[in-house]
C-alpha atoms as a PDB file:
ATOM      1  CA  MET A   1     237.711 159.169  84.212  1.00  0.00           C
ATOM      2  CA  ALA A   2     238.255 155.693  83.087  1.00  0.00           C
ATOM      3  CA  LYS A   3     242.057 154.132  83.379  1.00  0.00           C
ATOM      4  CA  SER A   4     243.729 153.711  80.273  1.00  0.00           C
ATOM      5  CA  LYS A   5     244.989 149.627  79.899  1.00  0.00           C
ATOM      6  CA  PRO A   6     248.468 149.063  80.667  1.00  0.00           C
ATOM      7  CA  ALA A   7     250.820 148.302  77.722  1.00  0.00           C
ATOM      8  CA  PRO A   8     251.708 144.533  77.423  1.00  0.00           C
ATOM      9  CA  ALA A   9     254.446 144.030  79.423  1.00  0.00           C
ATOM     10  CA  ALA A  10     258.128 143.205  77.877  1.00  0.00           C
ATOM     11  CA  GLY A  11     258.282 139.750  76.217  1.00  0.00           C
ATOM     12  CA  GLU A  12     254.372 139.659  76.853  1.00  0.00           C
ATOM     13  CA  LYS A  13     251.971 138.748  73.336  1.00  0.00           C
ATOM     14  CA  ARG A  14     249.432 141.235  72.426  1.00  0.00           C
ATOM     15  CA  LYS A  15     245.947 139.770  72.741  1.00  0.00           C
ATOM     16  CA  LYS A  16     244.531 138.904  69.076  1.00  0.00           C
ATOM     17  CA  GLY A  17     241.927 141.307  67.800  1.00  0.00           C
ATOM     18  CA  ARG A  18     242.376 144.862  66.264  1.00  0.00           C
ATOM     19  CA  PRO A  19     245.863 146.684  65.952  1.00  0.00           C
ATOM     20  CA  ALA A  20     247.045 149.430  67.953  1.00  0.00           C
ATOM     21  CA  THR A  21     247.419 151.530  64.727  1.00  0.00           C
ATOM     22  CA  ALA A  22     243.703 150.785  63.703  1.00  0.00           C
ATOM     23  CA  ALA A  23     242.230 152.065  67.217  1.00  0.00           C
ATOM     24  CA  ALA A  24     244.827 155.102  66.471  1.00  0.00           C
ATOM     25  CA  GLY A  25     242.848 156.023  63.161  1.00  0.00           C
ATOM     26  CA  VAL A  26     245.048 154.408  60.236  1.00  0.00           C
ATOM     27  CA  GLY A  27     241.679 152.184  59.053  1.00  0.00           C
ATOM     28  CA  ARG A  28     241.053 149.946  56.169  1.00  0.00           C
ATOM     29  CA  GLU A  29     240.498 152.477  53.478  1.00  0.00           C
ATOM     30  CA  ALA A  30     243.593 153.671  54.083  1.00  0.00           C
ATOM     31  CA  VAL A  31     245.407 150.582  53.408  1.00  0.00           C
ATOM     32  CA  LEU A  32     243.401 150.140  50.465  1.00  0.00           C
ATOM     33  CA  ALA A  33     244.085 153.492  49.068  1.00  0.00           C
ATOM     34  CA  ALA A  34     247.985 152.657  49.705  1.00  0.00           C
ATOM     35  CA  ALA A  35     247.680 149.803  48.017  1.00  0.00           C
ATOM     36  CA  THR A  36     245.945 151.210  44.804  1.00  0.00           C
ATOM     37  CA  ARG A  37     248.793 154.041  44.815  1.00  0.00           C
ATOM     38  CA  LEU A  38     251.446 151.327  44.715  1.00  0.00           C
ATOM     39  CA  LEU A  39     249.856 149.013  42.080  1.00  0.00           C
ATOM     40  CA  GLN A  40     249.731 151.931  39.760  1.00  0.00           C
ATOM     41  CA  VAL A  41     253.370 152.951  39.991  1.00  0.00           C
ATOM     42  CA  LEU A  42     255.235 149.760  41.106  1.00  0.00           C
ATOM     43  CA  PRO A  43     255.800 146.273  39.465  1.00  0.00           C
ATOM     44  CA  PRO A  44     253.621 143.463  41.761  1.00  0.00           C
ATOM     45  CA  ASN A  45     256.443 142.099  43.044  1.00  0.00           C
ATOM     46  CA  GLN A  46     257.692 145.430  44.917  1.00  0.00           C
ATOM     47  CA  VAL A  47     253.839 145.838  46.478  1.00  0.00           C
ATOM     48  CA  THR A  48     254.734 144.259  49.682  1.00  0.00           C
ATOM     49  CA  ILE A  49     252.756 144.009  52.932  1.00  0.00           C
ATOM     50  CA  ILE A  50     255.970 146.273  54.490  1.00  0.00           C
ATOM     51  CA  ALA A  51     255.573 148.913  51.149  1.00  0.00           C
ATOM     52  CA  ILE A  52     252.043 149.103  51.765  1.00  0.00           C
ATOM     53  CA  ALA A  53     251.679 149.330  55.615  1.00  0.00           C
ATOM     54  CA  ARG A  54     254.685 152.197  55.130  1.00  0.00           C
ATOM     55  CA  GLU A  55     252.586 154.200  52.270  1.00  0.00           C
ATOM     56  CA  ALA A  56     249.592 153.905  54.697  1.00  0.00           C
ATOM     57  CA  GLY A  57     251.854 154.818  57.560  1.00  0.00           C
ATOM     58  CA  ALA A  58     250.624 151.607  59.392  1.00  0.00           C
ATOM     59  CA  ASP A  59     251.384 148.400  61.378  1.00  0.00           C
ATOM     60  CA  PRO A  60     251.951 145.830  58.577  1.00  0.00           C
ATOM     61  CA  ALA A  61     249.213 143.398  61.099  1.00  0.00           C
ATOM     62  CA  MET A  62     246.811 145.760  59.984  1.00  0.00           C
ATOM     63  CA  ILE A  63     246.641 144.245  56.244  1.00  0.00           C
ATOM     64  CA  ARG A  64     246.119 140.883  57.960  1.00  0.00           C
ATOM     65  CA  TYR A  65     243.460 142.270  59.747  1.00  0.00           C
ATOM     66  CA  TYR A  66     241.504 144.139  57.288  1.00  0.00           C
ATOM     67  CA  PHE A  67     241.864 141.806  54.567  1.00  0.00           C
ATOM     68  CA  GLY A  68     243.137 138.301  55.523  1.00  0.00           C
ATOM     69  CA  ASN A  69     246.599 137.758  53.424  1.00  0.00           C
ATOM     70  CA  ARG A  70     248.019 140.321  50.587  1.00  0.00           C
ATOM     71  CA  GLU A  71     246.407 138.988  47.269  1.00  0.00           C
ATOM     72  CA  ALA A  72     242.737 139.552  49.036  1.00  0.00           C
ATOM     73  CA  LEU A  73     244.015 143.125  49.280  1.00  0.00           C
ATOM     74  CA  LEU A  74     245.439 143.445  45.826  1.00  0.00           C
ATOM     75  CA  LEU A  75     242.425 142.105  44.519  1.00  0.00           C
ATOM     76  CA  ALA A  76     240.399 144.842  46.435  1.00  0.00           C
ATOM     77  CA  ALA A  77     242.628 147.451  44.875  1.00  0.00           C
ATOM     78  CA  VAL A  78     242.458 146.510  41.350  1.00  0.00           C
ATOM     79  CA  LYS A  79     238.658 146.430  42.089  1.00  0.00           C
ATOM     80  CA  ARG A  80     239.138 150.269  43.163  1.00  0.00           C
ATOM     81  CA  LEU A  81     241.187 150.788  40.269  1.00  0.00           C
ATOM     82  CA  THR A  82     238.446 149.980  38.020  1.00  0.00           C
ATOM     83  CA  GLU A  83     236.008 152.110  39.888  1.00  0.00           C
ATOM     84  CA  LEU A  84     238.413 155.340  39.628  1.00  0.00           C
ATOM     85  CA  GLY A  85     238.313 154.685  35.847  1.00  0.00           C
ATOM     86  CA  ASP A  86     235.677 155.456  33.340  1.00  0.00           C
ATOM     87  CA  PRO A  87     232.189 154.922  33.871  1.00  0.00           C
ATOM     88  CA  MET A  88     230.738 151.468  31.708  1.00  0.00           C
ATOM     89  CA  PRO A  89     228.985 152.657  28.595  1.00  0.00           C
ATOM     90  CA  GLY A  90     225.717 151.746  27.980  1.00  0.00           C
ATOM     91  CA  ILE A  91     224.820 149.227  25.117  1.00  0.00           C
ATOM     92  CA  ASP A  92     221.673 150.922  23.536  1.00  0.00           C
ATOM     93  CA  ARG A  93     223.665 152.091  20.878  1.00  0.00           C
ATOM     94  CA  PRO A  94     226.109 148.950  20.530  1.00  0.00           C
ATOM     95  CA  LEU A  95     228.832 150.284  18.129  1.00  0.00           C
ATOM     96  CA  ASP A  96     229.431 153.539  20.429  1.00  0.00           C
ATOM     97  CA  ALA A  97     229.732 151.171  23.116  1.00  0.00           C
ATOM     98  CA  LEU A  98     232.578 148.824  21.673  1.00  0.00           C
ATOM     99  CA  GLN A  99     234.132 151.959  20.578  1.00  0.00           C
ATOM    100  CA  ASP A 100     234.255 153.612  23.957  1.00  0.00           C
ATOM    101  CA  TYR A 101     234.860 150.208  26.260  1.00  0.00           C
ATOM    102  CA  ILE A 102     238.175 149.531  23.925  1.00  0.00           C
ATOM    103  CA  LYS A 103     239.394 152.968  24.914  1.00  0.00           C
ATOM    104  CA  ARG A 104     238.194 152.877  28.125  1.00  0.00           C
ATOM    105  CA  THR A 105     240.753 149.581  28.587  1.00  0.00           C
ATOM    106  CA  PHE A 106     243.383 151.662  27.176  1.00  0.00           C
ATOM    107  CA  ARG A 107     242.791 154.348  29.476  1.00  0.00           C
ATOM    108  CA  PHE A 108     243.066 151.834  32.380  1.00  0.00           C
ATOM    109  CA  THR A 109     245.800 150.198  31.198  1.00  0.00           C
ATOM    110  CA  ARG A 110     247.842 153.430  31.364  1.00  0.00           C
ATOM    111  CA  SER A 111     246.720 153.937  34.509  1.00  0.00           C
ATOM    112  CA  ALA A 112     247.608 151.024  35.827  1.00  0.00           C
ATOM    113  CA  LYS A 113     250.405 149.452  33.469  1.00  0.00           C
ATOM    114  CA  TYR A 114     251.539 146.531  35.720  1.00  0.00           C
ATOM    115  CA  MET A 115     248.182 144.824  35.856  1.00  0.00           C
ATOM    116  CA  GLN A 116     248.339 142.186  33.522  1.00  0.00           C
ATOM    117  CA  ARG A 117     251.755 140.997  35.225  1.00  0.00           C
ATOM    118  CA  LEU A 118     249.910 141.317  38.773  1.00  0.00           C
ATOM    119  CA  MET A 119     247.065 139.062  37.269  1.00  0.00           C
ATOM    120  CA  ILE A 120     249.873 136.406  35.921  1.00  0.00           C
ATOM    121  CA  GLU A 121     252.465 136.660  38.322  1.00  0.00           C
ATOM    122  CA  GLU A 122     250.449 137.020  41.438  1.00  0.00           C
ATOM    123  CA  LEU A 123     246.774 136.334  41.270  1.00  0.00           C
ATOM    124  CA  ASP A 124     246.065 133.501  39.360  1.00  0.00           C
ATOM    125  CA  SER A 125     248.174 131.889  41.730  1.00  0.00           C
ATOM    126  CA  ALA A 126     246.433 132.372  44.987  1.00  0.00           C
ATOM    127  CA  ARG A 127     246.083 129.753  47.609  1.00  0.00           C
ATOM    128  CA  SER A 128     242.440 130.811  48.164  1.00  0.00           C
ATOM    129  CA  PRO A 129     239.853 128.887  46.096  1.00  0.00           C
ATOM    130  CA  GLU A 130     237.397 131.966  46.976  1.00  0.00           C
ATOM    131  CA  LEU A 131     239.725 134.440  45.957  1.00  0.00           C
ATOM    132  CA  LEU A 132     240.972 132.669  42.786  1.00  0.00           C
ATOM    133  CA  ASP A 133     236.869 132.633  41.959  1.00  0.00           C
ATOM    134  CA  GLN A 134     236.833 136.444  42.460  1.00  0.00           C
ATOM    135  CA  VAL A 135     240.099 137.062  40.223  1.00  0.00           C
ATOM    136  CA  ARG A 136     237.888 134.611  37.608  1.00  0.00           C
ATOM    137  CA  GLU A 137     234.816 136.655  37.919  1.00  0.00           C
ATOM    138  CA  TRP A 138     236.620 140.388  37.578  1.00  0.00           C
ATOM    139  CA  ASN A 139     238.204 138.876  34.313  1.00  0.00           C
ATOM    140  CA  TRP A 140     235.452 137.567  33.244  1.00  0.00           C
ATOM    141  CA  ALA A 141     233.212 140.739  33.085  1.00  0.00           C
ATOM    142  CA  PRO A 142     234.859 142.283  30.027  1.00  0.00           C
ATOM    143  CA  VAL A 143     233.921 139.249  28.181  1.00  0.00           C
ATOM    144  CA  GLU A 144     230.255 139.026  29.245  1.00  0.00           C
ATOM    145  CA  PHE A 145     230.155 143.282  28.377  1.00  0.00           C
ATOM    146  CA  TYR A 146     231.307 142.049  24.508  1.00  0.00           C
ATOM    147  CA  GLU A 147     228.587 139.511  24.781  1.00  0.00           C
ATOM    148  CA  ASP A 148     225.865 141.916  25.501  1.00  0.00           C
ATOM    149  CA  ILE A 149     227.050 144.373  23.261  1.00  0.00           C
ATOM    150  CA  ALA A 150     226.707 141.648  20.203  1.00  0.00           C
ATOM    151  CA  LYS A 151     223.000 140.572  21.864  1.00  0.00           C
ATOM    152  CA  SER A 152     222.126 144.517  21.783  1.00  0.00           C
ATOM    153  CA  ASP A 153     223.275 144.638  18.075  1.00  0.00           C
ATOM    154  CA  GLY A 154     221.476 141.606  17.104  1.00  0.00           C
ATOM    155  CA  GLY A 155     223.185 141.430  13.966  1.00  0.00           C
ATOM    156  CA  LYS A 156     222.562 144.914  12.792  1.00  0.00           C
ATOM    157  CA  GLU A 157     225.576 146.828  12.539  1.00  0.00           C
ATOM    158  CA  LEU A 158     228.590 144.175  13.643  1.00  0.00           C
ATOM    159  CA  ALA A 159     229.511 140.593  12.548  1.00  0.00           C
ATOM    160  CA  PRO A 160     229.512 137.939  14.967  1.00  0.00           C
ATOM    161  CA  PHE A 161     232.508 137.943  16.861  1.00  0.00           C
ATOM    162  CA  ASP A 162     233.804 135.723  19.754  1.00  0.00           C
ATOM    163  CA  ALA A 163     233.664 137.766  23.112  1.00  0.00           C
ATOM    164  CA  LEU A 164     236.765 136.082  24.679  1.00  0.00           C
ATOM    165  CA  PHE A 165     239.110 136.397  21.572  1.00  0.00           C
ATOM    166  CA  LEU A 166     238.136 139.830  21.338  1.00  0.00           C
ATOM    167  CA  HIS A 167     238.648 140.474  24.996  1.00  0.00           C
ATOM    168  CA  LEU A 168     242.294 139.352  24.702  1.00  0.00           C
ATOM    169  CA  ALA A 169     243.143 141.039  21.452  1.00  0.00           C
ATOM    170  CA  VAL A 170     242.212 144.106  23.342  1.00  0.00           C
ATOM    171  CA  ILE A 171     244.079 143.735  26.463  1.00  0.00           C
ATOM    172  CA  GLY A 172     246.913 142.190  24.173  1.00  0.00           C
ATOM    173  CA  ILE A 173     247.494 145.474  22.222  1.00  0.00           C
ATOM    174  CA  SER A 174     246.935 148.053  24.681  1.00  0.00           C
ATOM    175  CA  ASP A 175     249.208 146.160  27.337  1.00  0.00           C
ATOM    176  CA  PHE A 176     251.696 146.117  24.632  1.00  0.00           C
ATOM    177  CA  PHE A 177     252.439 150.228  24.249  1.00  0.00           C
ATOM    178  CA  VAL A 178     252.691 149.519  28.094  1.00  0.00           C
ATOM    179  CA  SER A 179     255.055 146.582  28.471  1.00  0.00           C
ATOM    180  CA  GLY A 180     256.836 146.676  25.514  1.00  0.00           C
ATOM    181  CA  ALA A 181     257.324 150.740  25.849  1.00  0.00           C
ATOM    182  CA  PRO A 182     261.449 150.105  25.367  1.00  0.00           C
ATOM    183  CA  LEU A 183     260.753 148.554  22.095  1.00  0.00           C
ATOM    184  CA  VAL A 184     258.383 151.448  20.886  1.00  0.00           C
ATOM    185  CA  ARG A 185     261.018 153.968  21.878  1.00  0.00           C
ATOM    186  CA  LEU A 186     263.313 152.316  20.279  1.00  0.00           C
ATOM    187  CA  LEU A 187     261.386 152.490  17.019  1.00  0.00           C
ATOM    188  CA  ALA A 188     259.739 155.856  17.347  1.00  0.00           C
ATOM    189  CA  PRO A 189     261.808 158.881  15.774  1.00  0.00           C
ATOM    190  CA  PRO A 190     263.823 161.126  18.053  1.00  0.00           C
ATOM    191  CA  GLY A 191     262.093 163.338  20.124  1.00  0.00           C
ATOM    192  CA  THR A 192     258.465 161.787  19.604  1.00  0.00           C
ATOM    193  CA  ASP A 193     256.244 162.555  22.070  1.00  0.00           C
ATOM    194  CA  MET A 194     255.317 159.463  23.634  1.00  0.00           C
ATOM    195  CA  ALA A 195     252.318 160.612  25.064  1.00  0.00           C
ATOM    196  CA  GLU A 196     251.248 161.720  21.791  1.00  0.00           C
ATOM    197  CA  LEU A 197     252.054 158.907  19.937  1.00  0.00           C
ATOM    198  CA  ASP A 198     250.471 156.587  22.820  1.00  0.00           C
ATOM    199  CA  ARG A 199     246.712 158.352  21.828  1.00  0.00           C
ATOM    200  CA  LYS A 200     247.466 158.136  18.185  1.00  0.00           C
ATOM    201  CA  TYR A 201     247.701 154.218  18.928  1.00  0.00           C
ATOM    202  CA  GLU A 202     244.594 153.771  20.590  1.00  0.00           C
ATOM    203  CA  THR A 203     242.844 155.690  17.775  1.00  0.00           C
ATOM    204  CA  PHE A 204     244.419 153.477  15.205  1.00  0.00           C
ATOM    205  CA  VAL A 205     243.994 150.239  17.279  1.00  0.00           C
ATOM    206  CA  THR A 206     239.972 151.194  18.006  1.00  0.00           C
ATOM    207  CA  GLN A 207     239.480 152.169  14.304  1.00  0.00           C
ATOM    208  CA  LEU A 208     240.994 148.546  12.919  1.00  0.00           C
ATOM    209  CA  LEU A 209     238.946 146.931  15.461  1.00  0.00           C
ATOM    210  CA  LEU A 210     235.903 148.560  14.992  1.00  0.00           C
ATOM    211  CA  ASN A 211     236.372 148.289  10.733  1.00  0.00           C
ATOM    212  CA  GLY A 212     236.866 144.516  11.436  1.00  0.00           C
ATOM    213  CA  LEU A 213     234.084 143.878  13.344  1.00  0.00           C
ATOM    214  CA  ARG A 214     231.582 145.910  11.089  1.00  0.00           C
ATOM    215  CA  LYS A 215     229.216 143.872   9.385  1.00  0.00           C
ATOM    216  CA  ARG A 216     229.686 144.033   5.267  1.00  0.00           C
END
């Protein structure tokens, strides 16, 4: 029987490599899943390395081992949240695709209500140029999708529009219902079902944008 390696003596530093907890079965996926769960319920500044490690039941050193740093892990969690959302609509029917994508943005905002704060307060100031490029690429993807919708339509049903402005408008409008929730509750009649109000708001905004973008 192979002998197990002795534990480091008191005061002796562990050699660099895979953390012991990783070898014990808490892997990269568990760390990523923990970060993803926390991003759905906590403000970004509370999703710390310690909090993620505690949620995953792991050693904080695992985050550095698997992801390098906290920013890289948070971006990976953002991408995971996107994957967990609704599938991307096809663009063969541009008007329907536009409607579906606006609604998809609303649903994503509800599932990750601190997403815009994460982008503004955390990931846009990442120290790594490579990570910043990844953040920029992830944020630019919706703009490209709106551009693809316009190209697919070819001016048949949709008036010309600026894809960047449309993206900024959609994320701003959808995010305010979440970030401005205290004001929304203040203005809503007493006893209002806030979940139902959210759905009505989504429908209203979607129709408002579609009617504004339709070719006349």
